[in-house]
């Protein structure tokens, strides 16, 4: 899953109690994923407006702290694929939260 996507909904506790998870609680990766789901759900509950996902928030925060940063540099800093960033920047531009400027160095 790309971290810019919406996380899956948390599992209903009653449903979770009905399932035998075996030794999943002993696997760090599983527990980290469950923690990520909880953190994303908490973030989403507190957000109101156009920046509703943690990934979007991260992109906007880095842009705000680094005016003039290229999309390639932004992708490298956040570990995002360039193709995935385009839609995020398009969304921000449509809301007036960011704008692209041509680079004087390579005319992109």
Protein backbone atom coordinates (compact mmCIF):
# COMPACT_ATOMS: atom_id res chain seq x y z
CA UNK A 1 0.00 0.00 0.00
CA UNK A 2 1.26 3.42 -0.89
CA UNK A 3 1.33 5.53 2.26
CA UNK A 4 -0.53 8.33 0.46
CA UNK A 5 -3.59 6.09 0.16
CA UNK A 6 -6.34 5.97 2.74
CA UNK A 7 -5.61 3.23 5.30
CA UNK A 8 -8.09 0.40 5.69
CA UNK A 9 -10.73 0.80 8.36
CA UNK A 10 -9.79 -0.65 11.75
CA UNK A 11 -11.17 -4.10 12.46
CA UNK A 12 -14.32 -4.14 14.59
CA UNK A 13 -13.37 -5.37 18.08
CA UNK A 14 -16.22 -7.88 18.23
CA UNK A 15 -15.11 -9.36 14.90
CA UNK A 16 -11.48 -9.39 16.02
CA UNK A 17 -12.34 -11.36 19.15
CA UNK A 18 -13.98 -14.05 16.99
CA UNK A 19 -10.77 -14.71 15.04
CA UNK A 20 -7.79 -16.74 16.21
CA UNK A 21 -4.77 -14.67 15.20
CA UNK A 22 -2.28 -17.32 16.22
CA UNK A 23 1.15 -15.85 16.84
CA UNK A 24 0.62 -12.67 14.79
CA UNK A 25 1.13 -10.55 17.91
CA UNK A 26 4.68 -11.91 18.01
CA UNK A 27 5.48 -10.49 14.55
CA UNK A 28 6.82 -6.95 14.63
CA UNK A 29 5.64 -6.18 11.10
CA UNK A 30 2.06 -7.13 11.91
CA UNK A 31 2.05 -5.06 15.09
CA UNK A 32 3.60 -2.06 13.30
CA UNK A 33 0.92 -2.24 10.63
CA UNK A 34 -1.81 -2.33 13.27
CA UNK A 35 -0.20 0.67 14.97
CA UNK A 36 -0.05 2.51 11.63
CA UNK A 37 -3.76 1.90 11.08
CA UNK A 38 -4.54 3.29 14.54
CA UNK A 39 -2.34 6.36 14.01
CA UNK A 40 -3.85 7.09 10.59
CA UNK A 41 -7.38 6.73 12.00
CA UNK A 42 -6.53 9.14 14.83
CA UNK A 43 -5.02 11.62 12.36
CA UNK A 44 -8.09 11.43 10.12
CA UNK A 45 -10.47 12.04 13.04
CA UNK A 46 -8.65 15.28 13.85
CA UNK A 47 -8.40 16.60 10.31
CA UNK A 48 -11.06 18.71 8.66
CA UNK A 49 -10.54 20.19 5.24
CA UNK A 50 -8.64 19.42 2.07
CA UNK A 51 -5.56 17.81 3.65
CA UNK A 52 -7.15 14.72 5.15
CA UNK A 53 -4.40 12.10 4.87
CA UNK A 54 -1.08 11.84 6.70
CA UNK A 55 0.83 11.56 3.42
CA UNK A 56 -0.73 14.74 2.09
CA UNK A 57 0.08 16.51 5.34
CA UNK A 58 3.72 15.37 5.10
CA UNK A 59 4.06 16.61 1.53
CA UNK A 60 2.56 19.99 2.38
CA UNK A 61 4.69 20.33 5.52
CA UNK A 62 7.93 19.66 3.59
CA UNK A 63 6.92 22.04 0.79
CA UNK A 64 6.19 24.73 3.38
CA UNK A 65 9.60 24.31 5.02
CA UNK A 66 11.52 24.11 1.72
CA UNK A 67 10.36 26.69 -0.83
CA UNK A 68 11.74 25.94 -4.28
CA UNK A 69 12.28 22.24 -3.59
CA UNK A 70 11.99 20.22 -6.79
CA UNK A 71 9.50 17.38 -7.06
CA UNK A 72 12.42 14.95 -7.39
CA UNK A 73 13.93 16.27 -4.16
CA UNK A 74 10.55 16.09 -2.42
CA UNK A 75 10.10 12.48 -3.54
CA UNK A 76 13.57 11.56 -2.32
CA UNK A 77 13.03 13.26 1.04
CA UNK A 78 9.74 11.47 1.70
CA UNK A 79 10.37 8.18 -0.11
CA UNK A 80 7.51 8.75 -2.56
CA UNK A 81 7.41 7.54 -6.16
CA UNK A 82 7.38 10.49 -8.55
CA UNK A 83 4.29 9.18 -10.34
CA UNK A 84 2.37 9.16 -7.04
CA UNK A 85 3.34 12.71 -6.18
CA UNK A 86 1.84 14.23 -9.34
CA UNK A 87 -1.77 13.71 -8.20
CA UNK A 88 -1.00 15.13 -4.76
CA UNK A 89 0.56 18.28 -6.23
CA UNK A 90 -2.31 18.59 -8.73
CA UNK A 91 -4.74 18.46 -5.79
CA UNK A 92 -2.80 21.10 -3.86
CA UNK A 93 -2.61 23.36 -6.92
CA UNK A 94 -6.38 23.09 -7.45
CA UNK A 95 -6.86 24.28 -3.86
CA UNK A 96 -4.27 27.06 -4.12
CA UNK A 97 -2.04 25.39 -1.51
CA UNK A 98 0.97 24.87 -3.81
CA UNK A 99 2.21 25.85 -7.23
CA UNK A 100 4.74 24.50 -9.64
CA UNK A 101 7.39 26.76 -11.11
CA UNK A 102 9.65 25.96 -14.03
CA UNK A 103 13.24 25.29 -13.07
CA UNK A 104 15.74 27.77 -14.47
CA UNK A 105 18.39 25.03 -14.43
CA UNK A 106 16.65 22.38 -16.54
CA UNK A 107 13.47 24.13 -17.78
CA UNK A 108 11.19 21.50 -16.20
